[in-house]
Amino acid sequence: MEVTGLLSYLAGFLIFACIYSIFALGLNVHWGFTGLFNIGIAGFFALGAYTTALLTTRPPDPALFEDFVFGGNMAEVWLLDLGFDLWFILGILAAAAVCGVVALGIGYVTLRLRDDYLAISTLGIAETVRLFFLNEKWAANGSKGLYRIPAFLSDLVSPRYYDFLYMVVAAVVLVVVFVMLERAVKSPWGRVLRAIREDETAAEASGKNVFRFKLQAFVLGAIIMGIGGALFAHHFRFLAPLTFDPLLATFIIWAMLMVGGSGNNFGAVLGAFIVWGIWSGTQFLPGIFADPSFRLFTIGALIVAVIMVRPGGILGEERRIARIPDQ
């Protein structure tokens, strides 16, 4: 029984570690490769999660004091539920699309700003999204939140073992995102992003449309964050505005990227597993050590230690030097 409980805990840990790895990869596109200081991750997290939840959750039931208007009920449409739960794929794609479209509008306005101004504007937008879902009850049931969010392929296994199935799903999505992103950043497009990060003026003098490339990177990172939000919604199966508090939806993701190594996709994933391991593992410590404040202190201490020993993160960015072949 103890072994089963331990395996269940490990499955739950791996699910969240994979989901947060996806968020870290999205942030890596923004900051690690392009130098966009985005501290509004929580906004795209919320948009991705609420989009898939509203599309797949049953319509509101007045007997349950549900105040929201729209319920997509896509999970119970027979054409989308032929033993494979196609609605799950469509929900993820919809979450990615919504985040991409919103990022396109936001980026068109904010990416002309630089450094601190961009950070402040993205933080404000993220809080606007969270407060919208909190105060506009018709949109997503307000502070009561959305529940009864359907689970992917839940009919295949018993609830006791469902986490093992979803662990595989989250890992597969992470691998797909990772491979596609690796190919993108190692292409000429990715090299332009690095050039913009290092020196915008030099990149523009080389004939590159800096704003267009920054906008593309901003949209791509937001799409990846939307995918992570959709995975989170169908695993946690409950969403409320409090879920997207900047602490667990922005700060901890920045910590993951800093610890693992900015500008390195392997580092982003490694940092996510390490920081989430600390965050989830310290809850079992006795007394004050299990307090959230102490857990934050531990993560902060880890960040400082990594910066002092390895300023670029545990793995850091892989620097490539062009070599001229011998004549």
C-alpha atoms as a PDB file:
ATOM      1  CA  MET A   1       0.000   0.000   0.000  1.00  0.00           C
ATOM      2  CA  GLU A   2       2.849   2.375   0.847  1.00  0.00           C
ATOM      3  CA  VAL A   3       4.540   1.597  -2.477  1.00  0.00           C
ATOM      4  CA  THR A   4       1.331   2.363  -4.363  1.00  0.00           C
ATOM      5  CA  GLY A   5       0.970   5.657  -2.495  1.00  0.00           C
ATOM      6  CA  LEU A   6       4.568   6.588  -3.278  1.00  0.00           C
ATOM      7  CA  LEU A   7       4.081   5.800  -6.966  1.00  0.00           C
ATOM      8  CA  SER A   8       0.891   7.864  -7.019  1.00  0.00           C
ATOM      9  CA  TYR A   9       2.743  10.800  -5.477  1.00  0.00           C
ATOM     10  CA  LEU A  10       5.539  10.466  -8.032  1.00  0.00           C
ATOM     11  CA  ALA A  11       2.997  10.371 -10.861  1.00  0.00           C
ATOM     12  CA  GLY A  12       1.352  13.547  -9.572  1.00  0.00           C
ATOM     13  CA  PHE A  13       4.758  15.185  -9.180  1.00  0.00           C
ATOM     14  CA  LEU A  14       5.768  14.302 -12.742  1.00  0.00           C
ATOM     15  CA  ILE A  15       2.488  15.637 -14.143  1.00  0.00           C
ATOM     16  CA  PHE A  16       2.982  19.058 -12.576  1.00  0.00           C
ATOM     17  CA  ALA A  17       6.705  19.050 -13.393  1.00  0.00           C
ATOM     18  CA  CYS A  18       5.923  18.388 -17.066  1.00  0.00           C
ATOM     19  CA  ILE A  19       3.240  21.086 -17.140  1.00  0.00           C
ATOM     20  CA  TYR A  20       5.503  23.662 -15.525  1.00  0.00           C
ATOM     21  CA  SER A  21       8.296  22.611 -17.898  1.00  0.00           C
ATOM     22  CA  ILE A  22       6.028  23.664 -20.765  1.00  0.00           C
ATOM     23  CA  PHE A  23       5.492  27.060 -19.123  1.00  0.00           C
ATOM     24  CA  ALA A  24       9.253  27.405 -18.642  1.00  0.00           C
ATOM     25  CA  LEU A  25       9.827  26.612 -22.318  1.00  0.00           C
ATOM     26  CA  GLY A  26       7.334  29.311 -23.291  1.00  0.00           C
ATOM     27  CA  LEU A  27       9.105  31.820 -21.065  1.00  0.00           C
ATOM     28  CA  ASN A  28      12.417  30.715 -22.533  1.00  0.00           C
ATOM     29  CA  VAL A  29      11.197  31.810 -25.969  1.00  0.00           C
ATOM     30  CA  HIS A  30      10.368  35.235 -24.545  1.00  0.00           C
ATOM     31  CA  TRP A  31      13.302  35.889 -22.268  1.00  0.00           C
ATOM     32  CA  GLY A  32      15.933  33.242 -22.962  1.00  0.00           C
ATOM     33  CA  PHE A  33      16.074  33.622 -26.735  1.00  0.00           C
ATOM     34  CA  THR A  34      14.554  37.041 -27.461  1.00  0.00           C
ATOM     35  CA  GLY A  35      15.139  39.081 -24.301  1.00  0.00           C
ATOM     36  CA  LEU A  36      11.474  39.988 -23.763  1.00  0.00           C
ATOM     37  CA  PHE A  37      10.932  40.703 -20.066  1.00  0.00           C
ATOM     38  CA  ASN A  38       7.469  39.180 -19.637  1.00  0.00           C
ATOM     39  CA  ILE A  39       6.159  38.890 -16.078  1.00  0.00           C
ATOM     40  CA  GLY A  40       2.578  38.342 -17.177  1.00  0.00           C
ATOM     41  CA  ILE A  41       2.778  34.562 -17.561  1.00  0.00           C
ATOM     42  CA  ALA A  42      -0.265  34.145 -15.319  1.00  0.00           C
ATOM     43  CA  GLY A  43      -2.437  35.851 -17.936  1.00  0.00           C
ATOM     44  CA  PHE A  44      -1.682  33.331 -20.680  1.00  0.00           C
ATOM     45  CA  PHE A  45      -1.841  30.517 -18.132  1.00  0.00           C
ATOM     46  CA  ALA A  46      -5.374  31.617 -17.224  1.00  0.00           C
ATOM     47  CA  LEU A  47      -6.498  32.163 -20.816  1.00  0.00           C
ATOM     48  CA  GLY A  48      -5.357  28.710 -21.886  1.00  0.00           C
ATOM     49  CA  ALA A  49      -6.932  26.991 -18.892  1.00  0.00           C
ATOM     50  CA  TYR A  50     -10.260  28.837 -19.025  1.00  0.00           C
ATOM     51  CA  THR A  51     -10.568  28.435 -22.805  1.00  0.00           C
ATOM     52  CA  THR A  52     -10.416  24.650 -22.770  1.00  0.00           C
ATOM     53  CA  ALA A  53     -12.486  24.441 -19.574  1.00  0.00           C
ATOM     54  CA  LEU A  54     -15.320  26.554 -20.980  1.00  0.00           C
ATOM     55  CA  LEU A  55     -15.347  24.619 -24.233  1.00  0.00           C
ATOM     56  CA  THR A  56     -15.489  21.178 -22.625  1.00  0.00           C
ATOM     57  CA  THR A  57     -17.391  21.678 -19.354  1.00  0.00           C
ATOM     58  CA  ARG A  58     -21.133  21.096 -19.087  1.00  0.00           C
ATOM     59  CA  PRO A  59     -23.469  24.106 -19.269  1.00  0.00           C
ATOM     60  CA  PRO A  60     -24.203  25.838 -15.945  1.00  0.00           C
ATOM     61  CA  ASP A  61     -26.646  24.283 -13.518  1.00  0.00           C
ATOM     62  CA  PRO A  62     -28.710  26.843 -11.519  1.00  0.00           C
ATOM     63  CA  ALA A  63     -29.212  24.259  -8.769  1.00  0.00           C
ATOM     64  CA  LEU A  64     -25.460  24.395  -8.137  1.00  0.00           C
ATOM     65  CA  PHE A  65     -25.441  28.215  -7.979  1.00  0.00           C
ATOM     66  CA  GLU A  66     -23.389  28.440 -11.148  1.00  0.00           C
ATOM     67  CA  ASP A  67     -23.448  31.960 -12.551  1.00  0.00           C
ATOM     68  CA  PHE A  68     -21.557  31.618 -15.817  1.00  0.00           C
ATOM     69  CA  VAL A  69     -23.417  31.760 -19.118  1.00  0.00           C
ATOM     70  CA  PHE A  70     -21.490  29.607 -21.538  1.00  0.00           C
ATOM     71  CA  GLY A  71     -20.783  25.881 -21.276  1.00  0.00           C
ATOM     72  CA  GLY A  72     -19.327  24.306 -24.399  1.00  0.00           C
ATOM     73  CA  ASN A  73     -20.085  20.735 -23.385  1.00  0.00           C
ATOM     74  CA  MET A  74     -17.720  19.648 -26.154  1.00  0.00           C
ATOM     75  CA  ALA A  75     -16.668  16.580 -24.147  1.00  0.00           C
ATOM     76  CA  GLU A  76     -20.139  15.065 -24.557  1.00  0.00           C
ATOM     77  CA  VAL A  77     -20.559  15.611 -28.294  1.00  0.00           C
ATOM     78  CA  TRP A  78     -20.602  12.097 -29.708  1.00  0.00           C
ATOM     79  CA  LEU A  79     -18.554  13.003 -32.775  1.00  0.00           C
ATOM     80  CA  LEU A  80     -15.741  14.111 -30.446  1.00  0.00           C
ATOM     81  CA  ASP A  81     -16.002  11.167 -28.074  1.00  0.00           C
ATOM     82  CA  LEU A  82     -15.373   8.031 -30.111  1.00  0.00           C
ATOM     83  CA  GLY A  83     -13.181   6.282 -27.567  1.00  0.00           C
ATOM     84  CA  PHE A  84     -10.299   8.694 -28.152  1.00  0.00           C
ATOM     85  CA  ASP A  85     -11.702  11.902 -26.644  1.00  0.00           C
ATOM     86  CA  LEU A  86     -10.938  14.121 -29.614  1.00  0.00           C
ATOM     87  CA  TRP A  87     -12.349  17.052 -27.651  1.00  0.00           C
ATOM     88  CA  PHE A  88      -9.148  17.084 -25.583  1.00  0.00           C
ATOM     89  CA  ILE A  89      -7.025  17.771 -28.660  1.00  0.00           C
ATOM     90  CA  LEU A  90      -9.452  20.444 -29.843  1.00  0.00           C
ATOM     91  CA  GLY A  91      -9.463  22.033 -26.387  1.00  0.00           C
ATOM     92  CA  ILE A  92      -5.671  22.290 -26.372  1.00  0.00           C
ATOM     93  CA  LEU A  93      -5.636  23.727 -29.896  1.00  0.00           C
ATOM     94  CA  ALA A  94      -8.319  26.259 -28.949  1.00  0.00           C
ATOM     95  CA  ALA A  95      -6.337  27.298 -25.857  1.00  0.00           C
ATOM     96  CA  ALA A  96      -3.224  27.759 -27.972  1.00  0.00           C
ATOM     97  CA  ALA A  97      -5.166  29.734 -30.599  1.00  0.00           C
ATOM     98  CA  VAL A  98      -6.781  32.090 -28.084  1.00  0.00           C
ATOM     99  CA  CYS A  99      -3.457  32.784 -26.369  1.00  0.00           C
ATOM    100  CA  GLY A 100      -1.813  33.366 -29.745  1.00  0.00           C
ATOM    101  CA  VAL A 101      -4.465  35.829 -30.896  1.00  0.00           C
ATOM    102  CA  VAL A 102      -4.426  37.712 -27.586  1.00  0.00           C
ATOM    103  CA  ALA A 103      -0.625  37.809 -27.621  1.00  0.00           C
ATOM    104  CA  LEU A 104      -0.722  39.189 -31.156  1.00  0.00           C
ATOM    105  CA  GLY A 105      -2.873  42.104 -30.021  1.00  0.00           C
ATOM    106  CA  ILE A 106      -0.932  42.698 -26.829  1.00  0.00           C
ATOM    107  CA  GLY A 107       2.423  42.367 -28.530  1.00  0.00           C
ATOM    108  CA  TYR A 108       1.515  44.801 -31.283  1.00  0.00           C
ATOM    109  CA  VAL A 109       0.997  47.469 -28.625  1.00  0.00           C
ATOM    110  CA  THR A 110       3.554  46.601 -25.943  1.00  0.00           C
ATOM    111  CA  LEU A 111       6.574  45.284 -27.839  1.00  0.00           C
ATOM    112  CA  ARG A 112       7.532  48.795 -28.849  1.00  0.00           C
ATOM    113  CA  LEU A 113       8.299  49.307 -25.169  1.00  0.00           C
ATOM    114  CA  ARG A 114      11.543  48.125 -23.642  1.00  0.00           C
ATOM    115  CA  ASP A 115      12.801  46.489 -20.476  1.00  0.00           C
ATOM    116  CA  ASP A 116      10.940  47.680 -17.357  1.00  0.00           C
ATOM    117  CA  TYR A 117       8.063  49.230 -19.287  1.00  0.00           C
ATOM    118  CA  LEU A 118       7.340  45.960 -21.084  1.00  0.00           C
ATOM    119  CA  ALA A 119       7.470  44.078 -17.778  1.00  0.00           C
ATOM    120  CA  ILE A 120       5.036  46.471 -16.104  1.00  0.00           C
ATOM    121  CA  SER A 121       2.601  46.336 -19.007  1.00  0.00           C
ATOM    122  CA  THR A 122       2.585  42.515 -19.167  1.00  0.00           C
ATOM    123  CA  LEU A 123       2.074  42.302 -15.398  1.00  0.00           C
ATOM    124  CA  GLY A 124      -0.852  44.696 -15.649  1.00  0.00           C
ATOM    125  CA  ILE A 125      -2.416  42.706 -18.472  1.00  0.00           C
ATOM    126  CA  ALA A 126      -2.091  39.454 -16.509  1.00  0.00           C
ATOM    127  CA  GLU A 127      -3.795  40.997 -13.487  1.00  0.00           C
ATOM    128  CA  THR A 128      -6.519  42.361 -15.758  1.00  0.00           C
ATOM    129  CA  VAL A 129      -7.233  38.850 -17.042  1.00  0.00           C
ATOM    130  CA  ARG A 130      -7.346  37.422 -13.519  1.00  0.00           C
ATOM    131  CA  LEU A 131      -9.591  40.173 -12.172  1.00  0.00           C
ATOM    132  CA  PHE A 132     -11.890  39.849 -15.187  1.00  0.00           C
ATOM    133  CA  PHE A 133     -12.588  36.199 -14.383  1.00  0.00           C
ATOM    134  CA  LEU A 134     -12.952  37.088 -10.702  1.00  0.00           C
ATOM    135  CA  ASN A 135     -15.471  39.907 -11.102  1.00  0.00           C
ATOM    136  CA  GLU A 136     -17.371  38.964 -14.248  1.00  0.00           C
ATOM    137  CA  LYS A 137     -19.361  36.008 -12.915  1.00  0.00           C
ATOM    138  CA  TRP A 138     -21.110  35.414 -16.228  1.00  0.00           C
ATOM    139  CA  ALA A 139     -17.772  34.557 -17.860  1.00  0.00           C
ATOM    140  CA  ALA A 140     -16.550  31.706 -15.627  1.00  0.00           C
ATOM    141  CA  ASN A 141     -18.557  31.573 -12.384  1.00  0.00           C
ATOM    142  CA  GLY A 142     -16.483  34.241 -10.649  1.00  0.00           C
ATOM    143  CA  SER A 143     -14.729  33.346  -7.413  1.00  0.00           C
ATOM    144  CA  LYS A 144     -16.693  30.074  -7.160  1.00  0.00           C
ATOM    145  CA  GLY A 145     -14.703  28.793 -10.078  1.00  0.00           C
ATOM    146  CA  LEU A 146     -15.244  26.150 -12.717  1.00  0.00           C
ATOM    147  CA  TYR A 147     -15.453  22.514 -11.703  1.00  0.00           C
ATOM    148  CA  ARG A 148     -16.554  19.271 -13.359  1.00  0.00           C
ATOM    149  CA  ILE A 149     -13.882  19.889 -15.997  1.00  0.00           C
ATOM    150  CA  PRO A 150     -13.673  16.582 -17.895  1.00  0.00           C
ATOM    151  CA  ALA A 151     -10.666  14.285 -17.716  1.00  0.00           C
ATOM    152  CA  PHE A 152      -8.986  12.947 -20.833  1.00  0.00           C
ATOM    153  CA  LEU A 153      -9.504   9.191 -21.430  1.00  0.00           C
ATOM    154  CA  SER A 154     -10.927   8.775 -17.933  1.00  0.00           C
ATOM    155  CA  ASP A 155     -12.937   5.724 -19.039  1.00  0.00           C
ATOM    156  CA  LEU A 156      -9.821   3.690 -19.774  1.00  0.00           C
ATOM    157  CA  VAL A 157      -8.600   3.327 -16.189  1.00  0.00           C
ATOM    158  CA  SER A 158     -10.023   3.559 -12.704  1.00  0.00           C
ATOM    159  CA  PRO A 159      -9.706   6.897 -10.876  1.00  0.00           C
ATOM    160  CA  ARG A 160      -7.117   5.306  -8.604  1.00  0.00           C
ATOM    161  CA  TYR A 161      -4.685   4.861 -11.492  1.00  0.00           C
ATOM    162  CA  TYR A 162      -5.691   7.787 -13.661  1.00  0.00           C
ATOM    163  CA  ASP A 163      -2.646   9.887 -12.744  1.00  0.00           C
ATOM    164  CA  PHE A 164      -0.373   7.307 -14.331  1.00  0.00           C
ATOM    165  CA  LEU A 165      -2.229   7.704 -17.611  1.00  0.00           C
ATOM    166  CA  TYR A 166      -2.213  11.500 -17.492  1.00  0.00           C
ATOM    167  CA  MET A 167       1.487  11.440 -16.604  1.00  0.00           C
ATOM    168  CA  VAL A 168       2.135   9.808 -19.976  1.00  0.00           C
ATOM    169  CA  VAL A 169      -0.101  12.366 -21.720  1.00  0.00           C
ATOM    170  CA  ALA A 170       1.718  15.318 -20.110  1.00  0.00           C
ATOM    171  CA  ALA A 171       5.113  13.810 -20.922  1.00  0.00           C
ATOM    172  CA  VAL A 172       4.159  13.250 -24.577  1.00  0.00           C
ATOM    173  CA  VAL A 173       2.954  16.855 -24.953  1.00  0.00           C
ATOM    174  CA  LEU A 174       6.151  18.110 -23.303  1.00  0.00           C
ATOM    175  CA  VAL A 175       8.333  16.069 -25.663  1.00  0.00           C
ATOM    176  CA  VAL A 176       6.418  17.308 -28.721  1.00  0.00           C
ATOM    177  CA  VAL A 177       6.707  20.951 -27.627  1.00  0.00           C
ATOM    178  CA  PHE A 178      10.375  20.507 -26.736  1.00  0.00           C
ATOM    179  CA  VAL A 179      11.350  18.913 -30.055  1.00  0.00           C
ATOM    180  CA  MET A 180       9.482  21.480 -32.135  1.00  0.00           C
ATOM    181  CA  LEU A 181      10.960  24.359 -30.138  1.00  0.00           C
ATOM    182  CA  GLU A 182      14.483  22.955 -30.417  1.00  0.00           C
ATOM    183  CA  ARG A 183      14.136  22.835 -34.184  1.00  0.00           C
ATOM    184  CA  ALA A 184      12.805  26.388 -34.249  1.00  0.00           C
ATOM    185  CA  VAL A 185      15.521  27.992 -32.123  1.00  0.00           C
ATOM    186  CA  LYS A 186      18.305  26.194 -33.976  1.00  0.00           C
ATOM    187  CA  SER A 187      17.011  27.430 -37.323  1.00  0.00           C
ATOM    188  CA  PRO A 188      17.953  30.791 -38.921  1.00  0.00           C
ATOM    189  CA  TRP A 189      14.820  32.204 -37.266  1.00  0.00           C
ATOM    190  CA  GLY A 190      16.186  31.295 -33.854  1.00  0.00           C
ATOM    191  CA  ARG A 191      19.553  32.835 -34.635  1.00  0.00           C
ATOM    192  CA  VAL A 192      17.825  36.103 -35.489  1.00  0.00           C
ATOM    193  CA  LEU A 193      16.103  36.031 -32.078  1.00  0.00           C
ATOM    194  CA  ARG A 194      19.452  35.664 -30.357  1.00  0.00           C
ATOM    195  CA  ALA A 195      20.862  38.529 -32.400  1.00  0.00           C
ATOM    196  CA  ILE A 196      17.942  40.729 -31.320  1.00  0.00           C
ATOM    197  CA  ARG A 197      18.478  39.732 -27.703  1.00  0.00           C
ATOM    198  CA  GLU A 198      22.150  40.666 -27.837  1.00  0.00           C
ATOM    199  CA  ASP A 199      21.850  43.911 -29.796  1.00  0.00           C
ATOM    200  CA  GLU A 200      18.627  45.140 -31.390  1.00  0.00           C
ATOM    201  CA  THR A 201      20.371  47.975 -33.177  1.00  0.00           C
ATOM    202  CA  ALA A 202      22.911  45.682 -34.834  1.00  0.00           C
ATOM    203  CA  ALA A 203      20.162  43.239 -35.847  1.00  0.00           C
ATOM    204  CA  GLU A 204      18.139  46.053 -37.386  1.00  0.00           C
ATOM    205  CA  ALA A 205      21.202  47.385 -39.170  1.00  0.00           C
ATOM    206  CA  SER A 206      21.605  43.916 -40.701  1.00  0.00           C
ATOM    207  CA  GLY A 207      18.247  44.311 -42.385  1.00  0.00           C
ATOM    208  CA  LYS A 208      16.104  42.337 -39.927  1.00  0.00           C
ATOM    209  CA  ASN A 209      12.618  43.512 -39.031  1.00  0.00           C
ATOM    210  CA  VAL A 210      13.182  43.461 -35.267  1.00  0.00           C
ATOM    211  CA  PHE A 211       9.603  44.234 -34.305  1.00  0.00           C
ATOM    212  CA  ARG A 212       8.197  41.457 -36.495  1.00  0.00           C
ATOM    213  CA  PHE A 213      10.568  38.847 -35.063  1.00  0.00           C
ATOM    214  CA  LYS A 214       9.841  39.957 -31.508  1.00  0.00           C
ATOM    215  CA  LEU A 215       6.121  39.736 -32.197  1.00  0.00           C
ATOM    216  CA  GLN A 216       6.526  36.221 -33.617  1.00  0.00           C
ATOM    217  CA  ALA A 217       8.495  35.122 -30.549  1.00  0.00           C
ATOM    218  CA  PHE A 218       5.956  36.679 -28.208  1.00  0.00           C
ATOM    219  CA  VAL A 219       3.076  34.871 -29.924  1.00  0.00           C
ATOM    220  CA  LEU A 220       4.921  31.530 -29.981  1.00  0.00           C
ATOM    221  CA  GLY A 221       5.769  31.733 -26.277  1.00  0.00           C
ATOM    222  CA  ALA A 222       2.155  32.599 -25.449  1.00  0.00           C
ATOM    223  CA  ILE A 223       0.890  29.643 -27.499  1.00  0.00           C
ATOM    224  CA  ILE A 224       3.153  27.296 -25.539  1.00  0.00           C
ATOM    225  CA  MET A 225       1.910  28.770 -22.251  1.00  0.00           C
ATOM    226  CA  GLY A 226      -1.682  28.271 -23.418  1.00  0.00           C
ATOM    227  CA  ILE A 227      -0.966  24.581 -24.038  1.00  0.00           C
ATOM    228  CA  GLY A 228       0.395  24.301 -20.506  1.00  0.00           C
ATOM    229  CA  GLY A 229      -2.718  25.995 -19.142  1.00  0.00           C
ATOM    230  CA  ALA A 230      -4.976  23.533 -20.976  1.00  0.00           C
ATOM    231  CA  LEU A 231      -3.064  20.544 -19.589  1.00  0.00           C
ATOM    232  CA  PHE A 232      -3.321  22.022 -16.101  1.00  0.00           C
ATOM    233  CA  ALA A 233      -7.091  22.510 -16.383  1.00  0.00           C
ATOM    234  CA  HIS A 234      -7.815  18.921 -17.380  1.00  0.00           C
ATOM    235  CA  HIS A 235      -5.577  17.559 -14.650  1.00  0.00           C
ATOM    236  CA  PHE A 236      -6.596  19.774 -11.731  1.00  0.00           C
ATOM    237  CA  ARG A 237     -10.213  19.862 -12.975  1.00  0.00           C
ATOM    238  CA  PHE A 238     -11.019  23.013 -11.009  1.00  0.00           C
ATOM    239  CA  LEU A 239     -10.224  26.603 -11.904  1.00  0.00           C
ATOM    240  CA  ALA A 240     -10.677  29.775  -9.886  1.00  0.00           C
ATOM    241  CA  PRO A 241      -9.015  33.192 -10.172  1.00  0.00           C
ATOM    242  CA  LEU A 242      -6.956  32.378  -7.076  1.00  0.00           C
ATOM    243  CA  THR A 243      -5.331  29.574  -9.075  1.00  0.00           C
ATOM    244  CA  PHE A 244      -3.535  32.171 -11.165  1.00  0.00           C
ATOM    245  CA  ASP A 245      -1.953  34.067  -8.320  1.00  0.00           C
ATOM    246  CA  PRO A 246       1.347  35.598  -9.549  1.00  0.00           C
ATOM    247  CA  LEU A 247       3.253  33.477  -7.027  1.00  0.00           C
ATOM    248  CA  LEU A 248       2.525  30.071  -8.569  1.00  0.00           C
ATOM    249  CA  ALA A 249       1.695  31.293 -12.062  1.00  0.00           C
ATOM    250  CA  THR A 250       4.572  33.698 -12.728  1.00  0.00           C
ATOM    251  CA  PHE A 251       7.267  33.917 -10.053  1.00  0.00           C
ATOM    252  CA  ILE A 252       7.907  30.200  -9.715  1.00  0.00           C
ATOM    253  CA  ILE A 253       8.192  29.810 -13.504  1.00  0.00           C
ATOM    254  CA  TRP A 254      10.793  32.561 -13.626  1.00  0.00           C
ATOM    255  CA  ALA A 255      12.625  30.755 -10.826  1.00  0.00           C
ATOM    256  CA  MET A 256      12.613  27.547 -12.863  1.00  0.00           C
ATOM    257  CA  LEU A 257      14.144  29.228 -15.884  1.00  0.00           C
ATOM    258  CA  MET A 258      16.788  31.048 -13.852  1.00  0.00           C
ATOM    259  CA  VAL A 259      17.829  27.927 -11.982  1.00  0.00           C
ATOM    260  CA  GLY A 260      17.953  25.651 -15.027  1.00  0.00           C
ATOM    261  CA  GLY A 261      19.514  28.063 -17.454  1.00  0.00           C
ATOM    262  CA  SER A 262      18.061  30.795 -19.633  1.00  0.00           C
ATOM    263  CA  GLY A 263      18.493  30.295 -23.368  1.00  0.00           C
ATOM    264  CA  ASN A 264      18.691  26.509 -23.028  1.00  0.00           C
ATOM    265  CA  ASN A 265      15.591  24.357 -23.453  1.00  0.00           C
ATOM    266  CA  PHE A 266      17.154  21.485 -21.533  1.00  0.00           C
ATOM    267  CA  GLY A 267      17.910  23.939 -18.744  1.00  0.00           C
ATOM    268  CA  ALA A 268      14.302  25.164 -18.677  1.00  0.00           C
ATOM    269  CA  VAL A 269      13.034  21.605 -18.209  1.00  0.00           C
ATOM    270  CA  LEU A 270      15.701  20.771 -15.620  1.00  0.00           C
ATOM    271  CA  GLY A 271      14.920  23.931 -13.654  1.00  0.00           C
ATOM    272  CA  ALA A 272      11.206  23.113 -13.673  1.00  0.00           C
ATOM    273  CA  PHE A 273      11.821  19.669 -12.199  1.00  0.00           C
ATOM    274  CA  ILE A 274      14.240  20.983  -9.550  1.00  0.00           C
ATOM    275  CA  VAL A 275      12.148  23.940  -8.377  1.00  0.00           C
ATOM    276  CA  TRP A 276       8.889  21.974  -8.416  1.00  0.00           C
ATOM    277  CA  GLY A 277      10.643  19.222  -6.501  1.00  0.00           C
ATOM    278  CA  ILE A 278      11.587  21.726  -3.809  1.00  0.00           C
ATOM    279  CA  TRP A 279       8.149  23.327  -3.765  1.00  0.00           C
ATOM    280  CA  SER A 280       6.261  20.051  -3.507  1.00  0.00           C
ATOM    281  CA  GLY A 281       8.804  18.193  -1.393  1.00  0.00           C
ATOM    282  CA  THR A 282       9.113  20.762   1.378  1.00  0.00           C
ATOM    283  CA  GLN A 283       5.438  20.340   2.285  1.00  0.00           C
ATOM    284  CA  PHE A 284       6.410  17.132   4.075  1.00  0.00           C
ATOM    285  CA  LEU A 285       8.942  18.837   6.324  1.00  0.00           C
ATOM    286  CA  PRO A 286       7.969  19.232   9.992  1.00  0.00           C
ATOM    287  CA  GLY A 287       6.720  22.404  11.627  1.00  0.00           C
ATOM    288  CA  ILE A 288       7.687  25.769  10.272  1.00  0.00           C
ATOM    289  CA  PHE A 289       9.745  24.223   7.472  1.00  0.00           C
ATOM    290  CA  ALA A 290       6.533  23.236   5.674  1.00  0.00           C
ATOM    291  CA  ASP A 291       5.243  26.811   5.790  1.00  0.00           C
ATOM    292  CA  PRO A 292       4.833  28.393   2.325  1.00  0.00           C
ATOM    293  CA  SER A 293       7.019  31.305   3.412  1.00  0.00           C
ATOM    294  CA  PHE A 294       9.876  28.949   4.180  1.00  0.00           C
ATOM    295  CA  ARG A 295       9.362  27.180   0.873  1.00  0.00           C
ATOM    296  CA  LEU A 296       9.645  30.505  -0.932  1.00  0.00           C
ATOM    297  CA  PHE A 297      12.763  31.273   1.069  1.00  0.00           C
ATOM    298  CA  THR A 298      14.229  27.920  -0.019  1.00  0.00           C
ATOM    299  CA  ILE A 299      13.574  28.643  -3.683  1.00  0.00           C
ATOM    300  CA  GLY A 300      15.002  32.144  -3.299  1.00  0.00           C
ATOM    301  CA  ALA A 301      18.110  30.751  -1.614  1.00  0.00           C
ATOM    302  CA  LEU A 302      18.502  28.235  -4.433  1.00  0.00           C
ATOM    303  CA  ILE A 303      18.305  31.008  -7.029  1.00  0.00           C
ATOM    304  CA  VAL A 304      20.938  33.076  -5.222  1.00  0.00           C
ATOM    305  CA  ALA A 305      23.212  30.043  -4.866  1.00  0.00           C
ATOM    306  CA  VAL A 306      22.914  29.174  -8.545  1.00  0.00           C
ATOM    307  CA  ILE A 307      23.543  32.769  -9.627  1.00  0.00           C
ATOM    308  CA  MET A 308      26.645  32.959  -7.435  1.00  0.00           C
ATOM    309  CA  VAL A 309      28.082  29.663  -8.664  1.00  0.00           C
ATOM    310  CA  ARG A 310      26.725  29.584 -12.222  1.00  0.00           C
ATOM    311  CA  PRO A 311      25.299  32.968 -13.291  1.00  0.00           C
ATOM    312  CA  GLY A 312      23.851  31.441 -16.455  1.00  0.00           C
ATOM    313  CA  GLY A 313      21.982  28.709 -14.607  1.00  0.00           C
ATOM    314  CA  ILE A 314      22.863  25.070 -13.969  1.00  0.00           C
ATOM    315  CA  LEU A 315      23.143  24.266 -17.666  1.00  0.00           C
ATOM    316  CA  GLY A 316      23.326  27.743 -19.105  1.00  0.00           C
ATOM    317  CA  GLU A 317      23.146  28.668 -22.752  1.00  0.00           C
ATOM    318  CA  GLU A 318      25.106  26.640 -25.258  1.00  0.00           C
ATOM    319  CA  ARG A 319      27.434  28.991 -27.067  1.00  0.00           C
ATOM    320  CA  ARG A 320      28.408  28.025 -30.588  1.00  0.00           C
ATOM    321  CA  ILE A 321      31.445  29.451 -32.336  1.00  0.00           C
ATOM    322  CA  ALA A 322      31.621  29.413 -36.088  1.00  0.00           C
ATOM    323  CA  ARG A 323      34.859  27.857 -37.318  1.00  0.00           C
ATOM    324  CA  ILE A 324      36.427  28.487 -40.693  1.00  0.00           C
ATOM    325  CA  PRO A 325      37.629  25.201 -42.176  1.00  0.00           C
ATOM    326  CA  ASP A 326      41.321  24.883 -42.942  1.00  0.00           C
ATOM    327  CA  GLN A 327      42.184  25.677 -46.530  1.00  0.00           C
END
